Structures are given as structure tokens and as C-alpha cells.
Amino acid sequence: MKKTLGTLTGIVLIALSVSAVADEQTEIGKKIYERAFGRGCGTCHDIASNPQLTANIKAGTLDRAKFEQVIREGKGGMPKAIDEIMKNKAVQKAGYTEELALDALYKYISNK
């Protein structure tokens, strides 16, 4: 009985820690989205005439690899954004790498 209870407790703790990491990642993605370039991504991407990130990601027309390419290289009127993302205080505080920061942003937009 003690062994079963210990195993169950371990499983619950693992599930809670995974959930906490996912919540942190979403929160950091949100902070990036809201603060990039001092105005946030939505300043441009929530305007009907500009690429709709949320819709494109959910439709599968902007996968993670293409998303990263545009963030790193820019496209059309969009400047390269990776340096700006890495300046974000939440990203710095969490010690995120570029990959983790991009994952967080992509995840946040995917769930917006």
C-alpha cells in the first residue's frame, strides 16, 4: 500500500511540474508577443491587412520551422526579430535560449 501511494504521489508531482513548466512557457510567450519592439507583435499582426499569425499557425500554413525562419531572417516589411525577443526581460530572467524563446512564442500564439 505504501509503495502504491508513493508511486501515485510521484506521478502527481511529475504531472504538476510539467504543467508548471508549460504555464511558464505560455506566460513567457505572451510577454514576448505583448512587448516585442516595444509595442508587441499584435500591433502589426492583429491588423486584418497583415499576416494573421494565429490563423496561419492554426491552419497549418505557418509551421514552427517557417515561423522560426521569418523571426530569424525577417520577411517583407517584418524585420528580423530574434534579437528583440532575446532582449525581453522574461526571456532573460528564465534563462531561455533562442530555441526555448521561439517555442514559447509559437506555443502562445498557437493557443491564442
PDB file of N, CA and C in Angstrom:
ATOM      1  N   MET A   1       0.824  -1.201   0.000  1.00  0.00           N
ATOM      2  CA  MET A   1       0.000   0.000   0.000  1.00  0.00           C
ATOM      3  C   MET A   1       0.862   1.257   0.000  1.00  0.00           C
ATOM      4  N   LYS A   2       1.922   1.266   0.851  1.00  0.00           N
ATOM      5  CA  LYS A   2       2.807   2.439   0.909  1.00  0.00           C
ATOM      6  C   LYS A   2       3.506   2.648  -0.427  1.00  0.00           C
ATOM      7  N   LYS A   3       3.903   1.548  -1.055  1.00  0.00           N
ATOM      8  CA  LYS A   3       4.594   1.652  -2.340  1.00  0.00           C
ATOM      9  C   LYS A   3       3.662   2.234  -3.411  1.00  0.00           C
ATOM     10  N   THR A   4       2.427   1.805  -3.429  1.00  0.00           N
ATOM     11  CA  THR A   4       1.447   2.304  -4.387  1.00  0.00           C
ATOM     12  C   THR A   4       1.182   3.789  -4.158  1.00  0.00           C
ATOM     13  N   LEU A   5       1.047   4.180  -2.898  1.00  0.00           N
ATOM     14  CA  LEU A   5       0.807   5.582  -2.566  1.00  0.00           C
ATOM     15  C   LEU A   5       2.009   6.437  -2.964  1.00  0.00           C
ATOM     16  N   GLY A   6       3.213   5.920  -2.730  1.00  0.00           N
ATOM     17  CA  GLY A   6       4.432   6.638  -3.120  1.00  0.00           C
ATOM     18  C   GLY A   6       4.527   6.810  -4.622  1.00  0.00           C
ATOM     19  N   THR A   7       4.182   5.770  -5.361  1.00  0.00           N
ATOM     20  CA  THR A   7       4.202   5.834  -6.818  1.00  0.00           C
ATOM     21  C   THR A   7       3.182   6.843  -7.325  1.00  0.00           C
ATOM     22  N   LEU A   8       1.993   6.790  -6.755  1.00  0.00           N
ATOM     23  CA  LEU A   8       0.940   7.731  -7.150  1.00  0.00           C
ATOM     24  C   LEU A   8       1.348   9.171  -6.855  1.00  0.00           C
ATOM     25  N   THR A   9       1.947   9.400  -5.699  1.00  0.00           N
ATOM     26  CA  THR A   9       2.417  10.730  -5.332  1.00  0.00           C
ATOM     27  C   THR A   9       3.470  11.218  -6.325  1.00  0.00           C
ATOM     28  N   GLY A  10       4.378  10.347  -6.705  1.00  0.00           N
ATOM     29  CA  GLY A  10       5.414  10.696  -7.678  1.00  0.00           C
ATOM     30  C   GLY A  10       4.830  11.089  -9.019  1.00  0.00           C
ATOM     31  N   ILE A  11       3.831  10.343  -9.465  1.00  0.00           N
ATOM     32  CA  ILE A  11       3.187  10.640 -10.746  1.00  0.00           C
ATOM     33  C   ILE A  11       2.496  11.999 -10.696  1.00  0.00           C
ATOM     34  N   VAL A  12       1.805  12.271  -9.596  1.00  0.00           N
ATOM     35  CA  VAL A  12       1.116  13.556  -9.445  1.00  0.00           C
ATOM     36  C   VAL A  12       2.128  14.700  -9.442  1.00  0.00           C
ATOM     37  N   LEU A  13       3.230  14.550  -8.738  1.00  0.00           N
ATOM     38  CA  LEU A  13       4.254  15.603  -8.693  1.00  0.00           C
ATOM     39  C   LEU A  13       4.864  15.854 -10.061  1.00  0.00           C
ATOM     40  N   ILE A  14       5.104  14.807 -10.812  1.00  0.00           N
ATOM     41  CA  ILE A  14       5.644  14.966 -12.171  1.00  0.00           C
ATOM     42  C   ILE A  14       4.639  15.705 -13.049  1.00  0.00           C
ATOM     43  N   ALA A  15       3.373  15.322 -12.962  1.00  0.00           N
ATOM     44  CA  ALA A  15       2.339  15.983 -13.767  1.00  0.00           C
ATOM     45  C   ALA A  15       2.233  17.460 -13.411  1.00  0.00           C
ATOM     46  N   LEU A  16       2.309  17.773 -12.131  1.00  0.00           N
ATOM     47  CA  LEU A  16       2.237  19.170 -11.704  1.00  0.00           C
ATOM     48  C   LEU A  16       3.440  19.970 -12.183  1.00  0.00           C
ATOM     49  N   SER A  17       4.622  19.373 -12.139  1.00  0.00           N
ATOM     50  CA  SER A  17       5.815  20.105 -12.586  1.00  0.00           C
ATOM     51  C   SER A  17       5.784  20.335 -14.087  1.00  0.00           C
ATOM     52  N   VAL A  18       5.306  19.365 -14.857  1.00  0.00           N
ATOM     53  CA  VAL A  18       5.175  19.535 -16.307  1.00  0.00           C
ATOM     54  C   VAL A  18       4.174  20.648 -16.599  1.00  0.00           C
ATOM     55  N   SER A  19       3.086  20.672 -15.858  1.00  0.00           N
ATOM     56  CA  SER A  19       2.078  21.720 -16.031  1.00  0.00           C
ATOM     57  C   SER A  19       2.649  23.092 -15.700  1.00  0.00           C
ATOM     58  N   ALA A  20       3.449  23.183 -14.640  1.00  0.00           N
ATOM     59  CA  ALA A  20       4.053  24.465 -14.247  1.00  0.00           C
ATOM     60  C   ALA A  20       5.007  24.966 -15.326  1.00  0.00           C
ATOM     61  N   VAL A  21       5.792  24.065 -15.911  1.00  0.00           N
ATOM     62  CA  VAL A  21       6.714  24.448 -16.986  1.00  0.00           C
ATOM     63  C   VAL A  21       5.930  24.924 -18.204  1.00  0.00           C
ATOM     64  N   ALA A  22       4.853  24.219 -18.541  1.00  0.00           N
ATOM     65  CA  ALA A  22       4.026  24.617 -19.685  1.00  0.00           C
ATOM     66  C   ALA A  22       3.393  25.984 -19.440  1.00  0.00           C
ATOM     67  N   ASP A  23       2.926  26.218 -18.215  1.00  0.00           N
ATOM     68  CA  ASP A  23       2.337  27.517 -17.882  1.00  0.00           C
ATOM     69  C   ASP A  23       3.385  28.623 -17.966  1.00  0.00           C
ATOM     70  N   GLU A  24       4.593  28.358 -17.480  1.00  0.00           N
ATOM     71  CA  GLU A  24       5.671  29.350 -17.555  1.00  0.00           C
ATOM     72  C   GLU A  24       5.979  29.659 -19.009  1.00  0.00           C
ATOM     73  N   GLN A  25       6.051  28.628 -19.829  1.00  0.00           N
ATOM     74  CA  GLN A  25       6.370  28.811 -21.243  1.00  0.00           C
ATOM     75  C   GLN A  25       5.300  29.666 -21.930  1.00  0.00           C
ATOM     76  N   THR A  26       4.044  29.382 -21.651  1.00  0.00           N
ATOM     77  CA  THR A  26       2.957  30.160 -22.244  1.00  0.00           C
ATOM     78  C   THR A  26       3.015  31.610 -21.775  1.00  0.00           C
ATOM     79  N   GLU A  27       3.300  31.817 -20.510  1.00  0.00           N
ATOM     80  CA  GLU A  27       3.378  33.171 -19.959  1.00  0.00           C
ATOM     81  C   GLU A  27       4.529  33.954 -20.595  1.00  0.00           C
ATOM     82  N   ILE A  28       5.658  33.312 -20.781  1.00  0.00           N
ATOM     83  CA  ILE A  28       6.792  33.985 -21.421  1.00  0.00           C
ATOM     84  C   ILE A  28       6.467  34.275 -22.887  1.00  0.00           C
ATOM     85  N   GLY A  29       5.831  33.342 -23.571  1.00  0.00           N
ATOM     86  CA  GLY A  29       5.404  33.584 -24.950  1.00  0.00           C
ATOM     87  C   GLY A  29       4.472  34.774 -25.038  1.00  0.00           C
ATOM     88  N   LYS A  30       3.568  34.885 -24.078  1.00  0.00           N
ATOM     89  CA  LYS A  30       2.638  36.018 -24.041  1.00  0.00           C
ATOM     90  C   LYS A  30       3.392  37.331 -23.852  1.00  0.00           C
ATOM     91  N   LYS A  31       4.378  37.330 -22.964  1.00  0.00           N
ATOM     92  CA  LYS A  31       5.157  38.551 -22.706  1.00  0.00           C
ATOM     93  C   LYS A  31       5.957  38.959 -23.947  1.00  0.00           C
ATOM     94  N   ILE A  32       6.478  37.985 -24.647  1.00  0.00           N
ATOM     95  CA  ILE A  32       7.191  38.293 -25.898  1.00  0.00           C
ATOM     96  C   ILE A  32       6.200  38.923 -26.881  1.00  0.00           C
ATOM     97  N   TYR A  33       5.051  38.286 -27.072  1.00  0.00           N
ATOM     98  CA  TYR A  33       4.046  38.763 -28.031  1.00  0.00           C
ATOM     99  C   TYR A  33       3.596  40.181 -27.704  1.00  0.00           C
ATOM    100  N   GLU A  34       3.419  40.449 -26.417  1.00  0.00           N
ATOM    101  CA  GLU A  34       2.913  41.756 -25.999  1.00  0.00           C
ATOM    102  C   GLU A  34       3.967  42.861 -25.987  1.00  0.00           C
ATOM    103  N   ARG A  35       5.257  42.488 -25.941  1.00  0.00           N
ATOM    104  CA  ARG A  35       6.289  43.506 -25.730  1.00  0.00           C
ATOM    105  C   ARG A  35       7.343  43.626 -26.820  1.00  0.00           C
ATOM    106  N   ALA A  36       7.342  42.766 -27.801  1.00  0.00           N
ATOM    107  CA  ALA A  36       8.376  42.824 -28.840  1.00  0.00           C
ATOM    108  C   ALA A  36       8.376  44.190 -29.522  1.00  0.00           C
ATOM    109  N   PHE A  37       9.526  44.723 -29.753  1.00  0.00           N
ATOM    110  CA  PHE A  37       9.714  46.027 -30.395  1.00  0.00           C
ATOM    111  C   PHE A  37       9.001  47.152 -29.637  1.00  0.00           C
ATOM    112  N   GLY A  38       8.763  46.942 -28.356  1.00  0.00           N
ATOM    113  CA  GLY A  38       8.155  47.960 -27.516  1.00  0.00           C
ATOM    114  C   GLY A  38       6.653  48.126 -27.688  1.00  0.00           C
ATOM    115  N   ARG A  39       6.086  47.483 -28.705  1.00  0.00           N
ATOM    116  CA  ARG A  39       4.653  47.632 -28.961  1.00  0.00           C
ATOM    117  C   ARG A  39       3.932  46.298 -29.026  1.00  0.00           C
ATOM    118  N   GLY A  40       4.680  45.247 -29.227  1.00  0.00           N
ATOM    119  CA  GLY A  40       4.083  43.916 -29.321  1.00  0.00           C
ATOM    120  C   GLY A  40       3.837  43.482 -30.751  1.00  0.00           C
ATOM    121  N   CYS A  41       3.823  42.189 -30.944  1.00  0.00           N
ATOM    122  CA  CYS A  41       3.613  41.607 -32.272  1.00  0.00           C
ATOM    123  C   CYS A  41       2.238  41.965 -32.832  1.00  0.00           C
ATOM    124  N   GLY A  42       1.243  42.040 -31.935  1.00  0.00           N
ATOM    125  CA  GLY A  42      -0.123  42.302 -32.362  1.00  0.00           C
ATOM    126  C   GLY A  42      -0.323  43.655 -32.998  1.00  0.00           C
ATOM    127  N   THR A  43       0.596  44.583 -32.743  1.00  0.00           N
ATOM    128  CA  THR A  43       0.498  45.904 -33.361  1.00  0.00           C
ATOM    129  C   THR A  43       0.405  45.769 -34.876  1.00  0.00           C
ATOM    130  N   CYS A  44       1.144  44.840 -35.414  1.00  0.00           N
ATOM    131  CA  CYS A  44       1.097  44.600 -36.863  1.00  0.00           C
ATOM    132  C   CYS A  44       0.247  43.379 -37.209  1.00  0.00           C
ATOM    133  N   HIS A  45       0.404  42.305 -36.446  1.00  0.00           N
ATOM    134  CA  HIS A  45      -0.208  41.035 -36.841  1.00  0.00           C
ATOM    135  C   HIS A  45      -1.663  40.881 -36.445  1.00  0.00           C
ATOM    136  N   ASP A  46      -2.210  41.791 -35.685  1.00  0.00           N
ATOM    137  CA  ASP A  46      -3.640  41.734 -35.375  1.00  0.00           C
ATOM    138  C   ASP A  46      -4.437  42.676 -36.271  1.00  0.00           C
ATOM    139  N   ILE A  47      -3.776  43.212 -37.297  1.00  0.00           N
ATOM    140  CA  ILE A  47      -4.425  44.081 -38.278  1.00  0.00           C
ATOM    141  C   ILE A  47      -4.803  43.211 -39.478  1.00  0.00           C
ATOM    142  N   ALA A  48      -6.021  43.339 -39.948  1.00  0.00           N
ATOM    143  CA  ALA A  48      -6.556  42.462 -40.993  1.00  0.00           C
ATOM    144  C   ALA A  48      -5.705  42.404 -42.254  1.00  0.00           C
ATOM    145  N   SER A  49      -5.039  43.490 -42.611  1.00  0.00           N
ATOM    146  CA  SER A  49      -4.279  43.501 -43.861  1.00  0.00           C
ATOM    147  C   SER A  49      -2.913  42.821 -43.751  1.00  0.00           C
ATOM    148  N   ASN A  50      -2.485  42.507 -42.536  1.00  0.00           N
ATOM    149  CA  ASN A  50      -1.174  41.888 -42.327  1.00  0.00           C
ATOM    150  C   ASN A  50      -1.312  40.400 -42.025  1.00  0.00           C
ATOM    151  N   PRO A  51      -0.214  39.656 -42.174  1.00  0.00           N
ATOM    152  CA  PRO A  51      -0.293  38.212 -41.904  1.00  0.00           C
ATOM    153  C   PRO A  51      -0.848  37.922 -40.505  1.00  0.00           C
ATOM    154  N   GLN A  52      -1.845  37.084 -40.468  1.00  0.00           N
ATOM    155  CA  GLN A  52      -2.501  36.713 -39.224  1.00  0.00           C
ATOM    156  C   GLN A  52      -1.805  35.493 -38.631  1.00  0.00           C
ATOM    157  N   LEU A  53      -0.934  35.726 -37.677  1.00  0.00           N
ATOM    158  CA  LEU A  53      -0.138  34.640 -37.099  1.00  0.00           C
ATOM    159  C   LEU A  53      -1.001  33.525 -36.529  1.00  0.00           C
ATOM    160  N   THR A  54      -1.955  33.883 -35.710  1.00  0.00           N
ATOM    161  CA  THR A  54      -2.787  32.863 -35.061  1.00  0.00           C
ATOM    162  C   THR A  54      -3.502  32.015 -36.099  1.00  0.00           C
ATOM    163  N   ALA A  55      -4.145  32.651 -37.046  1.00  0.00           N
ATOM    164  CA  ALA A  55      -4.889  31.919 -38.075  1.00  0.00           C
ATOM    165  C   ALA A  55      -3.960  31.050 -38.921  1.00  0.00           C
ATOM    166  N   ASN A  56      -2.811  31.580 -39.293  1.00  0.00           N
ATOM    167  CA  ASN A  56      -1.870  30.814 -40.123  1.00  0.00           C
ATOM    168  C   ASN A  56      -1.289  29.616 -39.371  1.00  0.00           C
ATOM    169  N   ILE A  57      -0.994  29.789 -38.098  1.00  0.00           N
ATOM    170  CA  ILE A  57      -0.459  28.674 -37.308  1.00  0.00           C
ATOM    171  C   ILE A  57      -1.531  27.608 -37.127  1.00  0.00           C
ATOM    172  N   LYS A  58      -2.732  28.031 -36.757  1.00  0.00           N
ATOM    173  CA  LYS A  58      -3.814  27.062 -36.537  1.00  0.00           C
ATOM    174  C   LYS A  58      -4.213  26.351 -37.831  1.00  0.00           C
ATOM    175  N   ALA A  59      -4.103  27.023 -38.968  1.00  0.00           N
ATOM    176  CA  ALA A  59      -4.441  26.421 -40.263  1.00  0.00           C
ATOM    177  C   ALA A  59      -3.325  25.517 -40.775  1.00  0.00           C
ATOM    178  N   GLY A  60      -2.160  25.587 -40.147  1.00  0.00           N
ATOM    179  CA  GLY A  60      -1.038  24.763 -40.585  1.00  0.00           C
ATOM    180  C   GLY A  60      -0.232  25.364 -41.720  1.00  0.00           C
ATOM    181  N   THR A  61      -0.532  26.610 -42.089  1.00  0.00           N
ATOM    182  CA  THR A  61       0.208  27.242 -43.180  1.00  0.00           C
ATOM    183  C   THR A  61       1.487  27.918 -42.683  1.00  0.00           C
ATOM    184  N   LEU A  62       1.628  28.041 -41.367  1.00  0.00           N
ATOM    185  CA  LEU A  62       2.854  28.583 -40.781  1.00  0.00           C
ATOM    186  C   LEU A  62       3.320  27.605 -39.702  1.00  0.00           C
ATOM    187  N   ASP A  63       4.139  26.643 -40.134  1.00  0.00           N
ATOM    188  CA  ASP A  63       4.632  25.663 -39.168  1.00  0.00           C
ATOM    189  C   ASP A  63       5.787  26.253 -38.363  1.00  0.00           C
ATOM    190  N   ARG A  64       6.241  25.512 -37.389  1.00  0.00           N
ATOM    191  CA  ARG A  64       7.277  26.002 -36.472  1.00  0.00           C
ATOM    192  C   ARG A  64       8.561  26.376 -37.215  1.00  0.00           C
ATOM    193  N   ALA A  65       8.956  25.595 -38.202  1.00  0.00           N
ATOM    194  CA  ALA A  65      10.194  25.864 -38.948  1.00  0.00           C
ATOM    195  C   ALA A  65      10.089  27.162 -39.759  1.00  0.00           C
ATOM    196  N   LYS A  66       8.971  27.371 -40.451  1.00  0.00           N
ATOM    197  CA  LYS A  66       8.774  28.604 -41.221  1.00  0.00           C
ATOM    198  C   LYS A  66       8.692  29.814 -40.290  1.00  0.00           C
ATOM    199  N   PHE A  67       8.010  29.625 -39.162  1.00  0.00           N
ATOM    200  CA  PHE A  67       7.889  30.679 -38.155  1.00  0.00           C
ATOM    201  C   PHE A  67       9.280  31.120 -37.705  1.00  0.00           C
ATOM    202  N   GLU A  68      10.120  30.152 -37.370  1.00  0.00           N
ATOM    203  CA  GLU A  68      11.477  30.465 -36.924  1.00  0.00           C
ATOM    204  C   GLU A  68      12.266  31.171 -38.017  1.00  0.00           C
ATOM    205  N   GLN A  69      12.136  30.730 -39.242  1.00  0.00           N
ATOM    206  CA  GLN A  69      12.865  31.347 -40.353  1.00  0.00           C
ATOM    207  C   GLN A  69      12.508  32.826 -40.491  1.00  0.00           C
ATOM    208  N   VAL A  70      11.223  33.142 -40.404  1.00  0.00           N
ATOM    209  CA  VAL A  70      10.788  34.536 -40.532  1.00  0.00           C
ATOM    210  C   VAL A  70      11.279  35.359 -39.339  1.00  0.00           C
ATOM    211  N   ILE A  71      11.217  34.798 -38.144  1.00  0.00           N
ATOM    212  CA  ILE A  71      11.693  35.510 -36.953  1.00  0.00           C
ATOM    213  C   ILE A  71      13.189  35.800 -37.082  1.00  0.00           C
ATOM    214  N   ARG A  72      13.937  34.836 -37.583  1.00  0.00           N
ATOM    215  CA  ARG A  72      15.398  34.995 -37.680  1.00  0.00           C
ATOM    216  C   ARG A  72      15.829  35.871 -38.855  1.00  0.00           C
ATOM    217  N   GLU A  73      15.125  35.771 -39.980  1.00  0.00           N
ATOM    218  CA  GLU A  73      15.565  36.449 -41.202  1.00  0.00           C
ATOM    219  C   GLU A  73      14.719  37.665 -41.586  1.00  0.00           C
ATOM    220  N   GLY A  74      13.513  37.758 -41.045  1.00  0.00           N
ATOM    221  CA  GLY A  74      12.591  38.800 -41.468  1.00  0.00           C
ATOM    222  C   GLY A  74      11.936  38.397 -42.784  1.00  0.00           C
ATOM    223  N   LYS A  75      10.911  39.139 -43.175  1.00  0.00           N
ATOM    224  CA  LYS A  75      10.235  38.842 -44.444  1.00  0.00           C
ATOM    225  C   LYS A  75       9.354  40.030 -44.804  1.00  0.00           C
ATOM    226  N   GLY A  76       9.453  40.482 -46.026  1.00  0.00           N
ATOM    227  CA  GLY A  76       8.657  41.627 -46.444  1.00  0.00           C
ATOM    228  C   GLY A  76       8.954  42.825 -45.544  1.00  0.00           C
ATOM    229  N   GLY A  77       7.923  43.378 -44.943  1.00  0.00           N
ATOM    230  CA  GLY A  77       8.089  44.524 -44.045  1.00  0.00           C
ATOM    231  C   GLY A  77       8.475  44.148 -42.620  1.00  0.00           C
ATOM    232  N   MET A  78       8.544  42.845 -42.331  1.00  0.00           N
ATOM    233  CA  MET A  78       8.880  42.431 -40.973  1.00  0.00           C
ATOM    234  C   MET A  78      10.395  42.331 -40.811  1.00  0.00           C
ATOM    235  N   PRO A  79      10.914  43.019 -39.800  1.00  0.00           N
ATOM    236  CA  PRO A  79      12.359  42.926 -39.558  1.00  0.00           C
ATOM    237  C   PRO A  79      12.720  41.621 -38.846  1.00  0.00           C
ATOM    238  N   LYS A  80      13.992  41.322 -38.833  1.00  0.00           N
ATOM    239  CA  LYS A  80      14.473  40.205 -38.018  1.00  0.00           C
ATOM    240  C   LYS A  80      14.062  40.500 -36.575  1.00  0.00           C
ATOM    241  N   ALA A  81      13.579  39.506 -35.864  1.00  0.00           N
ATOM    242  CA  ALA A  81      13.047  39.763 -34.528  1.00  0.00           C
ATOM    243  C   ALA A  81      13.740  38.986 -33.417  1.00  0.00           C
ATOM    244  N   ILE A  82      14.656  38.094 -33.736  1.00  0.00           N
ATOM    245  CA  ILE A  82      15.231  37.239 -32.695  1.00  0.00           C
ATOM    246  C   ILE A  82      16.000  38.052 -31.654  1.00  0.00           C
ATOM    247  N   ASP A  83      16.741  39.055 -32.067  1.00  0.00           N
ATOM    248  CA  ASP A  83      17.486  39.869 -31.097  1.00  0.00           C
ATOM    249  C   ASP A  83      16.533  40.606 -30.163  1.00  0.00           C
ATOM    250  N   GLU A  84      15.454  41.106 -30.723  1.00  0.00           N
ATOM    251  CA  GLU A  84      14.439  41.803 -29.919  1.00  0.00           C
ATOM    252  C   GLU A  84      13.802  40.847 -28.910  1.00  0.00           C
ATOM    253  N   ILE A  85      13.512  39.641 -29.343  1.00  0.00           N
ATOM    254  CA  ILE A  85      12.922  38.636 -28.458  1.00  0.00           C
ATOM    255  C   ILE A  85      13.870  38.312 -27.304  1.00  0.00           C
ATOM    256  N   MET A  86      15.140  38.200 -27.620  1.00  0.00           N
ATOM    257  CA  MET A  86      16.113  37.829 -26.587  1.00  0.00           C
ATOM    258  C   MET A  86      16.369  38.968 -25.593  1.00  0.00           C
ATOM    259  N   LYS A  87      15.978  40.194 -25.929  1.00  0.00           N
ATOM    260  CA  LYS A  87      16.094  41.325 -25.004  1.00  0.00           C
ATOM    261  C   LYS A  87      14.971  41.337 -23.970  1.00  0.00           C
ATOM    262  N   ASN A  88      13.917  40.567 -24.218  1.00  0.00           N
ATOM    263  CA  ASN A  88      12.759  40.549 -23.332  1.00  0.00           C
ATOM    264  C   ASN A  88      13.183  40.108 -21.927  1.00  0.00           C
ATOM    265  N   LYS A  89      12.778  40.882 -20.937  1.00  0.00           N
ATOM    266  CA  LYS A  89      13.173  40.611 -19.544  1.00  0.00           C
ATOM    267  C   LYS A  89      12.719  39.238 -19.067  1.00  0.00           C
ATOM    268  N   ALA A  90      11.527  38.805 -19.463  1.00  0.00           N
ATOM    269  CA  ALA A  90      11.030  37.486 -19.049  1.00  0.00           C
ATOM    270  C   ALA A  90      11.892  36.370 -19.631  1.00  0.00           C
ATOM    271  N   VAL A  91      12.324  36.547 -20.861  1.00  0.00           N
ATOM    272  CA  VAL A  91      13.196  35.568 -21.524  1.00  0.00           C
ATOM    273  C   VAL A  91      14.534  35.505 -20.802  1.00  0.00           C
ATOM    274  N   GLN A  92      15.072  36.665 -20.501  1.00  0.00           N
ATOM    275  CA  GLN A  92      16.368  36.728 -19.809  1.00  0.00           C
ATOM    276  C   GLN A  92      16.271  36.137 -18.402  1.00  0.00           C
ATOM    277  N   LYS A  93      15.221  36.492 -17.680  1.00  0.00           N
ATOM    278  CA  LYS A  93      15.053  36.005 -16.304  1.00  0.00           C
ATOM    279  C   LYS A  93      14.930  34.481 -16.265  1.00  0.00           C
ATOM    280  N   ALA A  94      14.219  33.914 -17.235  1.00  0.00           N
ATOM    281  CA  ALA A  94      14.036  32.464 -17.294  1.00  0.00           C
ATOM    282  C   ALA A  94      15.291  31.755 -17.804  1.00  0.00           C
ATOM    283  N   GLY A  95      16.229  32.517 -18.378  1.00  0.00           N
ATOM    284  CA  GLY A  95      17.440  31.910 -18.927  1.00  0.00           C
ATOM    285  C   GLY A  95      17.181  31.131 -20.204  1.00  0.00           C
ATOM    286  N   TYR A  96      16.164  31.545 -20.952  1.00  0.00           N
ATOM    287  CA  TYR A  96      15.791  30.840 -22.172  1.00  0.00           C
ATOM    288  C   TYR A  96      16.830  31.040 -23.272  1.00  0.00           C
ATOM    289  N   THR A  97      17.052  29.987 -24.020  1.00  0.00           N
ATOM    290  CA  THR A  97      17.843  30.063 -25.246  1.00  0.00           C
ATOM    291  C   THR A  97      16.932  30.600 -26.346  1.00  0.00           C
ATOM    292  N   GLU A  98      17.493  30.870 -27.500  1.00  0.00           N
ATOM    293  CA  GLU A  98      16.677  31.325 -28.629  1.00  0.00           C
ATOM    294  C   GLU A  98      15.607  30.294 -28.967  1.00  0.00           C
ATOM    295  N   GLU A  99      15.983  29.020 -28.968  1.00  0.00           N
ATOM    296  CA  GLU A  99      15.031  27.950 -29.296  1.00  0.00           C
ATOM    297  C   GLU A  99      13.874  27.918 -28.309  1.00  0.00           C
ATOM    298  N   LEU A 100      14.178  28.009 -27.016  1.00  0.00           N
ATOM    299  CA  LEU A 100      13.129  27.985 -26.000  1.00  0.00           C
ATOM    300  C   LEU A 100      12.224  29.216 -26.115  1.00  0.00           C
ATOM    301  N   ALA A 101      12.808  30.362 -26.385  1.00  0.00           N
ATOM    302  CA  ALA A 101      12.013  31.583 -26.536  1.00  0.00           C
ATOM    303  C   ALA A 101      11.084  31.469 -27.741  1.00  0.00           C
ATOM    304  N   LEU A 102      11.583  30.948 -28.847  1.00  0.00           N
ATOM    305  CA  LEU A 102      10.749  30.766 -30.035  1.00  0.00           C
ATOM    306  C   LEU A 102       9.661  29.732 -29.788  1.00  0.00           C
ATOM    307  N   ASP A 103      10.004  28.657 -29.070  1.00  0.00           N
ATOM    308  CA  ASP A 103       8.994  27.657 -28.706  1.00  0.00           C
ATOM    309  C   ASP A 103       7.886  28.289 -27.878  1.00  0.00           C
ATOM    310  N   ALA A 104       8.279  29.126 -26.910  1.00  0.00           N
ATOM    311  CA  ALA A 104       7.303  29.777 -26.037  1.00  0.00           C
ATOM    312  C   ALA A 104       6.385  30.697 -26.837  1.00  0.00           C
ATOM    313  N   LEU A 105       6.960  31.482 -27.727  1.00  0.00           N
ATOM    314  CA  LEU A 105       6.166  32.389 -28.545  1.00  0.00           C
ATOM    315  C   LEU A 105       5.224  31.633 -29.470  1.00  0.00           C
ATOM    316  N   TYR A 106       5.735  30.610 -30.127  1.00  0.00           N
ATOM    317  CA  TYR A 106       4.923  29.801 -31.036  1.00  0.00           C
ATOM    318  C   TYR A 106       3.782  29.129 -30.280  1.00  0.00           C
ATOM    319  N   LYS A 107       4.091  28.610 -29.101  1.00  0.00           N
ATOM    320  CA  LYS A 107       3.063  27.946 -28.284  1.00  0.00           C
ATOM    321  C   LYS A 107       1.990  28.949 -27.876  1.00  0.00           C
ATOM    322  N   TYR A 108       2.404  30.118 -27.424  1.00  0.00           N
ATOM    323  CA  TYR A 108       1.422  31.124 -27.021  1.00  0.00           C
ATOM    324  C   TYR A 108       0.507  31.492 -28.186  1.00  0.00           C
ATOM    325  N   ILE A 109       1.093  31.764 -29.334  1.00  0.00           N
ATOM    326  CA  ILE A 109       0.284  32.146 -30.496  1.00  0.00           C
ATOM    327  C   ILE A 109      -0.639  31.005 -30.911  1.00  0.00           C
ATOM    328  N   SER A 110      -0.150  29.774 -30.836  1.00  0.00           N
ATOM    329  CA  SER A 110      -0.946  28.608 -31.191  1.00  0.00           C
ATOM    330  C   SER A 110      -2.188  28.457 -30.333  1.00  0.00           C
ATOM    331  N   ASN A 111      -2.089  28.904 -29.091  1.00  0.00           N
ATOM    332  CA  ASN A 111      -3.193  28.738 -28.147  1.00  0.00           C
ATOM    333  C   ASN A 111      -4.001  30.023 -27.922  1.00  0.00           C
ATOM    334  N   LYS A 112      -3.657  31.061 -28.650  1.00  0.00           N
ATOM    335  CA  LYS A 112      -4.326  32.356 -28.510  1.00  0.00           C
ATOM    336  C   LYS A 112      -5.765  32.294 -28.939  1.00  0.00           C
TER     337      LYS A 112
END
